[in-house]
N, C-alpha and C. Protein backbone atom coordinates (compact mmCIF):
# COMPACT_ATOMS: atom_id res chain seq x y z
N MET A 1 0.84 -1.22 -0.01
CA MET A 1 -0.03 0.02 0.02
C MET A 1 1.00 1.24 0.02
N TRP A 2 2.17 1.20 0.50
CA TRP A 2 2.96 2.38 0.63
C TRP A 2 3.16 2.98 -0.71
N TRP A 3 3.25 2.05 -1.86
CA TRP A 3 3.63 2.66 -3.14
C TRP A 3 2.43 3.53 -3.69
N THR A 4 1.07 3.20 -3.13
CA THR A 4 0.13 3.98 -3.67
C THR A 4 0.26 5.44 -3.25
N TYR A 5 0.56 5.57 -1.78
CA TYR A 5 0.77 6.85 -1.24
C TYR A 5 1.90 7.53 -2.02
N ALA A 6 2.98 6.82 -2.20
CA ALA A 6 4.24 7.30 -2.87
C ALA A 6 3.91 7.78 -4.23
N LEU A 7 3.09 7.10 -5.01
CA LEU A 7 2.60 7.72 -6.40
C LEU A 7 1.74 8.86 -6.16
N LEU A 8 0.91 8.95 -5.18
CA LEU A 8 0.00 10.07 -4.98
C LEU A 8 0.87 11.20 -4.76
N SER A 9 1.80 11.03 -3.83
CA SER A 9 2.88 12.05 -3.51
C SER A 9 3.67 12.60 -4.74
N ALA A 10 4.13 11.72 -5.56
CA ALA A 10 4.65 12.18 -6.78
C ALA A 10 3.74 12.90 -7.71
N PHE A 11 2.57 12.40 -7.78
CA PHE A 11 1.50 13.27 -8.53
C PHE A 11 1.27 14.68 -7.98
N PHE A 12 1.14 14.73 -6.78
CA PHE A 12 0.80 16.00 -6.20
C PHE A 12 2.06 16.96 -6.30
N ALA A 13 3.25 16.26 -6.01
CA ALA A 13 4.37 17.15 -6.11
C ALA A 13 4.69 17.74 -7.46
N ALA A 14 4.22 16.91 -8.56
CA ALA A 14 4.28 17.56 -9.90
C ALA A 14 3.25 18.66 -10.08
N LEU A 15 2.11 18.47 -9.54
CA LEU A 15 1.10 19.69 -9.72
C LEU A 15 1.60 20.72 -8.86
N THR A 16 2.40 20.49 -7.80
CA THR A 16 2.98 21.65 -7.02
C THR A 16 3.81 22.45 -7.74
N ALA A 17 4.67 21.85 -8.44
CA ALA A 17 5.64 22.63 -9.30
C ALA A 17 4.85 23.41 -10.44
N ILE A 18 3.91 22.82 -11.08
CA ILE A 18 3.20 23.58 -12.11
C ILE A 18 2.35 24.72 -11.35
N PHE A 19 1.54 24.37 -10.42
CA PHE A 19 0.89 25.55 -9.74
C PHE A 19 1.71 26.66 -9.07
N ALA A 20 2.93 26.20 -8.53
CA ALA A 20 3.84 27.11 -7.82
C ALA A 20 4.45 28.09 -8.96
N LYS A 21 4.86 27.55 -10.13
CA LYS A 21 5.40 28.42 -11.22
C LYS A 21 4.54 29.42 -11.56
N VAL A 22 3.17 29.22 -11.76
CA VAL A 22 2.14 30.10 -12.22
C VAL A 22 2.00 31.17 -10.97
N GLY A 23 1.98 30.58 -9.76
CA GLY A 23 1.62 31.31 -8.51
C GLY A 23 2.75 32.30 -8.08
N VAL A 24 3.97 31.98 -8.46
CA VAL A 24 5.00 32.92 -8.00
C VAL A 24 5.39 33.99 -8.91
N LYS A 25 4.69 33.95 -10.27
CA LYS A 25 5.00 35.00 -11.35
C LYS A 25 4.64 36.41 -10.70
N GLY A 26 5.61 37.18 -10.47
CA GLY A 26 5.43 38.54 -10.05
C GLY A 26 5.22 38.75 -8.56
N VAL A 27 5.53 37.64 -7.87
CA VAL A 27 5.29 37.61 -6.32
C VAL A 27 6.70 37.39 -5.73
N ASP A 28 6.90 37.87 -4.63
CA ASP A 28 8.15 37.62 -3.84
C ASP A 28 8.04 36.16 -3.41
N SER A 29 9.12 35.41 -3.81
CA SER A 29 9.22 33.97 -3.62
C SER A 29 9.03 33.55 -1.90
N ASP A 30 9.46 34.44 -1.16
CA ASP A 30 9.33 34.24 0.29
C ASP A 30 8.02 34.21 0.67
N LEU A 31 7.28 35.33 0.20
CA LEU A 31 5.72 35.66 0.41
C LEU A 31 4.91 34.31 -0.09
N ALA A 32 5.41 33.95 -1.34
CA ALA A 32 4.68 32.72 -1.93
C ALA A 32 4.89 31.51 -0.97
N THR A 33 6.01 31.28 -0.51
CA THR A 33 6.27 30.13 0.44
C THR A 33 5.49 30.29 1.72
N ALA A 34 5.48 31.62 2.20
CA ALA A 34 4.71 31.73 3.51
C ALA A 34 3.14 31.47 3.19
N ILE A 35 2.55 31.79 2.07
CA ILE A 35 1.11 31.54 1.68
C ILE A 35 0.99 30.12 1.71
N ARG A 36 1.75 29.39 0.86
CA ARG A 36 1.75 28.00 0.84
C ARG A 36 2.01 27.23 2.16
N THR A 37 2.75 27.70 3.08
CA THR A 37 2.83 27.15 4.28
C THR A 37 1.49 27.22 5.31
N VAL A 38 1.02 28.33 5.06
CA VAL A 38 -0.34 28.61 5.89
C VAL A 38 -1.33 27.62 5.46
N VAL A 39 -1.51 27.37 4.11
CA VAL A 39 -2.41 26.49 3.51
C VAL A 39 -2.10 25.07 4.09
N ILE A 40 -0.90 24.70 4.01
CA ILE A 40 -0.44 23.31 4.40
C ILE A 40 -0.75 23.28 5.96
N LEU A 41 -0.47 24.23 6.71
CA LEU A 41 -0.65 24.18 8.16
C LEU A 41 -2.07 23.87 8.51
N ILE A 42 -3.06 24.58 7.72
CA ILE A 42 -4.40 24.38 7.99
C ILE A 42 -4.92 23.03 7.52
N LEU A 43 -4.47 22.49 6.31
CA LEU A 43 -4.75 21.46 5.81
C LEU A 43 -4.32 20.18 6.83
N ALA A 44 -3.17 20.32 7.16
CA ALA A 44 -2.48 19.19 7.94
C ALA A 44 -3.19 19.16 9.39
N TRP A 45 -3.42 20.12 10.05
CA TRP A 45 -4.17 19.98 11.14
C TRP A 45 -5.53 19.67 10.99
N THR A 46 -6.23 20.15 10.05
CA THR A 46 -7.57 19.65 9.87
C THR A 46 -7.65 18.13 9.78
N ILE A 47 -6.69 17.62 8.87
CA ILE A 47 -6.66 16.17 8.76
C ILE A 47 -6.30 15.43 10.03
N ALA A 48 -5.28 15.94 10.81
CA ALA A 48 -4.94 15.43 12.00
C ALA A 48 -6.05 15.31 13.08
N LEU A 49 -6.93 16.47 12.99
CA LEU A 49 -7.91 16.50 14.06
C LEU A 49 -9.03 15.63 13.59
N VAL A 50 -9.57 15.53 12.29
CA VAL A 50 -10.52 14.83 11.79
C VAL A 50 -10.38 13.36 12.06
N LYS A 51 -8.87 12.96 11.66
CA LYS A 51 -8.80 11.54 11.84
C LYS A 51 -8.24 11.14 13.24
N GLY A 52 -8.33 12.09 14.21
CA GLY A 52 -7.89 11.81 15.59
C GLY A 52 -6.44 11.63 16.00
N GLY A 53 -5.58 11.98 15.05
CA GLY A 53 -4.21 11.82 15.25
C GLY A 53 -3.61 12.94 16.33
N ALA A 54 -4.26 14.05 16.33
CA ALA A 54 -3.83 15.14 17.19
C ALA A 54 -3.87 14.83 18.61
N GLY A 55 -4.71 13.77 19.03
CA GLY A 55 -4.83 13.54 20.33
C GLY A 55 -3.53 12.77 20.94
N SER A 56 -2.81 12.37 20.08
CA SER A 56 -1.60 11.52 20.56
C SER A 56 -0.35 12.53 20.76
N ILE A 57 -0.58 13.83 20.63
CA ILE A 57 0.63 14.63 20.65
C ILE A 57 1.29 14.69 21.98
N THR A 58 0.48 14.29 23.04
CA THR A 58 1.13 14.28 24.35
C THR A 58 2.06 13.06 24.52
N THR A 59 1.95 12.15 23.57
CA THR A 59 2.84 11.03 23.67
C THR A 59 4.23 11.05 23.07
N LEU A 60 4.32 12.20 22.40
CA LEU A 60 5.70 12.36 21.61
C LEU A 60 6.74 12.49 22.66
N SER A 61 7.87 11.83 22.27
CA SER A 61 9.14 12.00 23.06
C SER A 61 9.90 13.14 22.59
N LYS A 62 10.94 13.40 23.38
CA LYS A 62 11.71 14.58 23.29
C LYS A 62 12.54 14.45 21.80
N GLN A 63 12.83 13.10 21.42
CA GLN A 63 13.58 12.79 20.29
C GLN A 63 12.52 12.99 19.21
N ASN A 64 11.36 12.59 19.23
CA ASN A 64 10.21 12.83 18.22
C ASN A 64 10.20 14.32 17.96
N ILE A 65 10.14 15.05 18.94
CA ILE A 65 9.95 16.59 18.81
C ILE A 65 11.06 17.22 18.06
N ILE A 66 12.17 16.76 18.64
CA ILE A 66 13.58 17.37 17.95
C ILE A 66 13.73 17.15 16.56
N PHE A 67 13.37 15.86 16.11
CA PHE A 67 13.66 15.50 14.76
C PHE A 67 12.49 16.04 14.03
N LEU A 68 11.18 16.09 14.41
CA LEU A 68 10.14 16.60 13.65
C LEU A 68 10.37 18.06 13.40
N VAL A 69 10.72 18.81 14.51
CA VAL A 69 11.25 20.19 14.32
C VAL A 69 12.32 20.44 13.24
N LEU A 70 13.28 19.57 13.30
CA LEU A 70 14.39 19.65 12.32
C LEU A 70 13.91 19.35 11.00
N SER A 71 13.04 18.36 10.98
CA SER A 71 12.35 18.16 9.65
C SER A 71 11.76 19.21 9.04
N GLY A 72 10.88 19.86 9.85
CA GLY A 72 10.28 21.05 9.51
C GLY A 72 11.16 22.20 9.09
N ILE A 73 12.15 22.29 9.81
CA ILE A 73 13.18 23.52 9.21
C ILE A 73 13.76 23.11 7.98
N ALA A 74 14.15 21.77 7.71
CA ALA A 74 14.70 21.38 6.37
C ALA A 74 13.51 21.63 5.31
N THR A 75 12.25 21.19 5.59
CA THR A 75 11.12 21.42 4.66
C THR A 75 11.13 22.90 4.24
N GLY A 76 11.01 23.68 5.34
CA GLY A 76 10.91 25.13 5.07
C GLY A 76 11.86 25.70 4.27
N LEU A 77 13.26 25.34 4.47
CA LEU A 77 14.30 25.84 3.66
C LEU A 77 14.23 25.31 2.16
N SER A 78 13.90 24.11 2.18
CA SER A 78 13.71 23.40 0.75
C SER A 78 12.68 24.20 -0.04
N TRP A 79 11.52 24.54 0.63
CA TRP A 79 10.42 25.22 -0.05
C TRP A 79 10.83 26.66 -0.40
N ILE A 80 11.67 27.25 0.48
CA ILE A 80 12.01 28.70 0.07
C ILE A 80 12.91 28.79 -1.13
N PHE A 81 13.96 27.74 -1.06
CA PHE A 81 14.81 27.56 -2.14
C PHE A 81 14.10 27.18 -3.67
N TYR A 82 13.09 26.16 -3.34
CA TYR A 82 12.47 25.76 -4.39
C TYR A 82 11.69 26.75 -5.19
N PHE A 83 10.97 27.63 -4.34
CA PHE A 83 10.02 28.60 -4.99
C PHE A 83 10.98 29.63 -5.60
N ARG A 84 12.00 29.90 -5.14
CA ARG A 84 13.07 30.98 -5.62
C ARG A 84 13.63 30.41 -7.03
N ALA A 85 13.98 28.99 -7.11
CA ALA A 85 14.35 28.56 -8.21
C ALA A 85 13.27 28.31 -9.31
N LEU A 86 12.05 28.28 -8.81
CA LEU A 86 10.94 28.23 -9.91
C LEU A 86 10.64 29.57 -10.49
N GLN A 87 10.87 30.60 -9.70
CA GLN A 87 10.85 31.96 -10.09
C GLN A 87 11.97 32.30 -11.21
N LEU A 88 13.04 31.81 -10.96
CA LEU A 88 14.29 32.04 -11.86
C LEU A 88 14.37 31.07 -13.02
N GLY A 89 13.82 29.84 -13.04
CA GLY A 89 14.06 28.79 -13.83
C GLY A 89 12.96 28.15 -14.38
N ASN A 90 12.93 27.35 -15.50
CA ASN A 90 11.83 26.50 -15.90
C ASN A 90 11.50 25.28 -14.93
N VAL A 91 10.13 24.92 -14.91
CA VAL A 91 9.75 23.80 -14.10
C VAL A 91 10.55 22.59 -14.57
N SER A 92 10.73 22.44 -15.90
CA SER A 92 11.35 21.42 -16.51
C SER A 92 12.84 21.18 -16.11
N GLN A 93 13.28 22.23 -15.61
CA GLN A 93 14.81 22.29 -15.20
C GLN A 93 14.82 22.17 -13.62
N VAL A 94 13.99 22.89 -12.92
CA VAL A 94 13.95 22.97 -11.67
C VAL A 94 13.60 21.65 -10.94
N ALA A 95 12.42 21.22 -11.33
CA ALA A 95 11.77 20.00 -10.66
C ALA A 95 12.90 18.81 -10.72
N PRO A 96 13.42 18.46 -11.84
CA PRO A 96 14.44 17.41 -11.90
C PRO A 96 15.70 17.59 -10.90
N VAL A 97 16.14 18.79 -10.80
CA VAL A 97 17.14 19.10 -9.86
C VAL A 97 16.65 18.93 -8.35
N ASP A 98 15.51 19.38 -8.08
CA ASP A 98 14.74 19.11 -6.83
C ASP A 98 14.77 17.64 -6.56
N LYS A 99 14.60 16.94 -7.46
CA LYS A 99 14.37 15.44 -7.30
C LYS A 99 15.65 14.75 -7.10
N LEU A 100 16.79 15.34 -7.14
CA LEU A 100 18.05 14.81 -6.64
C LEU A 100 17.91 14.45 -5.28
N SER A 101 16.94 15.10 -4.55
CA SER A 101 16.71 14.69 -3.01
C SER A 101 16.44 13.21 -3.04
N VAL A 102 16.00 12.46 -4.04
CA VAL A 102 15.77 11.12 -4.07
C VAL A 102 17.13 10.34 -3.88
N ALA A 103 18.05 10.67 -4.77
CA ALA A 103 19.33 9.98 -4.67
C ALA A 103 20.11 10.52 -3.45
N LEU A 104 20.01 11.63 -3.12
CA LEU A 104 20.67 12.06 -1.66
C LEU A 104 19.93 11.42 -0.60
N ALA A 105 18.62 11.15 -0.53
CA ALA A 105 18.01 10.52 0.59
C ALA A 105 18.50 9.02 0.57
N ILE A 106 18.64 8.44 -0.45
CA ILE A 106 19.19 7.01 -0.62
C ILE A 106 20.60 7.05 0.10
N ILE A 107 21.36 7.96 -0.36
CA ILE A 107 22.79 7.83 0.21
C ILE A 107 22.76 8.16 1.66
N LEU A 108 22.08 9.20 2.18
CA LEU A 108 21.93 9.52 3.58
C LEU A 108 21.37 8.43 4.34
N SER A 109 20.34 7.88 3.87
CA SER A 109 19.68 6.79 4.66
C SER A 109 20.63 5.61 4.91
N ALA A 110 21.69 5.33 3.98
CA ALA A 110 22.68 4.21 4.18
C ALA A 110 23.63 4.73 5.22
N LEU A 111 24.01 6.00 4.95
CA LEU A 111 25.08 6.55 5.99
C LEU A 111 24.57 6.74 7.46
N PHE A 112 23.33 7.40 7.57
CA PHE A 112 22.91 7.60 8.87
C PHE A 112 21.92 6.78 9.48
N LEU A 113 21.09 6.04 8.82
CA LEU A 113 20.15 5.17 9.20
C LEU A 113 20.53 3.61 9.23
N GLY A 114 21.70 3.42 8.56
CA GLY A 114 22.04 2.12 8.42
C GLY A 114 21.22 1.12 7.52
N GLU A 115 20.46 1.86 6.55
CA GLU A 115 19.59 1.20 5.58
C GLU A 115 20.58 0.49 4.53
N THR A 116 20.13 -0.69 4.11
CA THR A 116 21.00 -1.41 3.15
C THR A 116 21.08 -0.78 1.77
N LEU A 117 22.15 -0.59 1.20
CA LEU A 117 22.29 -0.12 -0.05
C LEU A 117 22.49 -1.13 -1.10
N THR A 118 21.64 -1.53 -1.71
CA THR A 118 21.66 -2.60 -2.64
C THR A 118 22.34 -2.07 -4.00
N TRP A 119 22.70 -2.96 -4.70
CA TRP A 119 23.21 -2.62 -6.12
C TRP A 119 22.27 -2.03 -6.86
N LYS A 120 20.97 -2.51 -6.89
CA LYS A 120 19.85 -1.85 -7.64
C LYS A 120 19.51 -0.41 -7.11
N THR A 121 19.56 -0.14 -5.81
CA THR A 121 19.29 1.13 -5.18
C THR A 121 20.35 2.01 -5.66
N ALA A 122 21.61 1.70 -5.50
CA ALA A 122 22.64 2.45 -5.89
C ALA A 122 22.74 2.83 -7.33
N ALA A 123 22.36 1.79 -8.12
CA ALA A 123 22.23 1.98 -9.62
C ALA A 123 21.12 3.08 -9.98
N GLY A 124 20.08 2.93 -9.27
CA GLY A 124 18.88 3.80 -9.39
C GLY A 124 19.22 5.19 -9.04
N ALA A 125 20.07 5.31 -7.91
CA ALA A 125 20.54 6.84 -7.36
C ALA A 125 21.41 7.30 -8.55
N ILE A 126 22.42 6.49 -9.07
CA ILE A 126 23.26 7.00 -9.94
C ILE A 126 22.53 7.40 -11.29
N LEU A 127 21.68 6.70 -11.64
CA LEU A 127 20.75 7.07 -12.88
C LEU A 127 20.04 8.33 -12.66
N ILE A 128 19.51 8.43 -11.42
CA ILE A 128 18.76 9.80 -11.19
C ILE A 128 19.72 10.93 -11.39
N ILE A 129 20.99 10.76 -10.74
CA ILE A 129 22.07 11.99 -10.86
C ILE A 129 22.37 12.10 -12.26
N ILE A 130 22.61 10.90 -13.06
CA ILE A 130 22.98 11.24 -14.56
C ILE A 130 21.82 11.82 -15.21
N GLY A 131 20.60 11.39 -15.04
CA GLY A 131 19.46 12.00 -15.69
C GLY A 131 19.33 13.39 -15.55
N THR A 132 19.44 13.88 -14.18
CA THR A 132 19.51 15.24 -13.87
C THR A 132 20.46 16.01 -14.51
N LEU A 133 21.60 15.59 -14.54
CA LEU A 133 22.81 16.23 -15.26
C LEU A 133 22.36 16.48 -16.85
N ILE A 134 21.87 15.42 -17.34
CA ILE A 134 21.47 15.55 -18.73
C ILE A 134 20.42 16.61 -18.97
N ILE A 135 19.42 16.71 -18.09
CA ILE A 135 18.40 17.53 -18.32
C ILE A 135 18.79 18.99 -18.11
N ILE A 136 19.79 19.26 -17.21
CA ILE A 136 20.21 20.70 -16.88
C ILE A 136 21.24 21.05 -17.64
N LYS A 137 22.04 20.22 -18.54
CA LYS A 137 22.87 20.68 -19.42
C LYS A 137 22.51 21.37 -20.73
């Protein structure tokens, strides 16, 4: 079932790039990121409240909180740079470079999380990097 959610994530990420490119035209990219963040904040809390997940907030450990905050900071910085890149470049160039995060996540998950790096996973990461280089040249 995880792959269904992953495919939906990819689909909505693609729509994000298209909608964002149109949305940042003539707008400060930081303001655009702030508006997007408010929408996501409202949507995420609505879903958490409706599904009942918000009630377990008191069970979060210190480690959960620290790493979720760090993830939030990384996400915010990613969005700020992504919107600025979209403002300056074409979606067909910015989106593939942004997706280098897939190859980087594979490498970092092996280094820091101890996940197994198989030859297929490593080859896939290398192909992503090569594909990105081809697109941006």
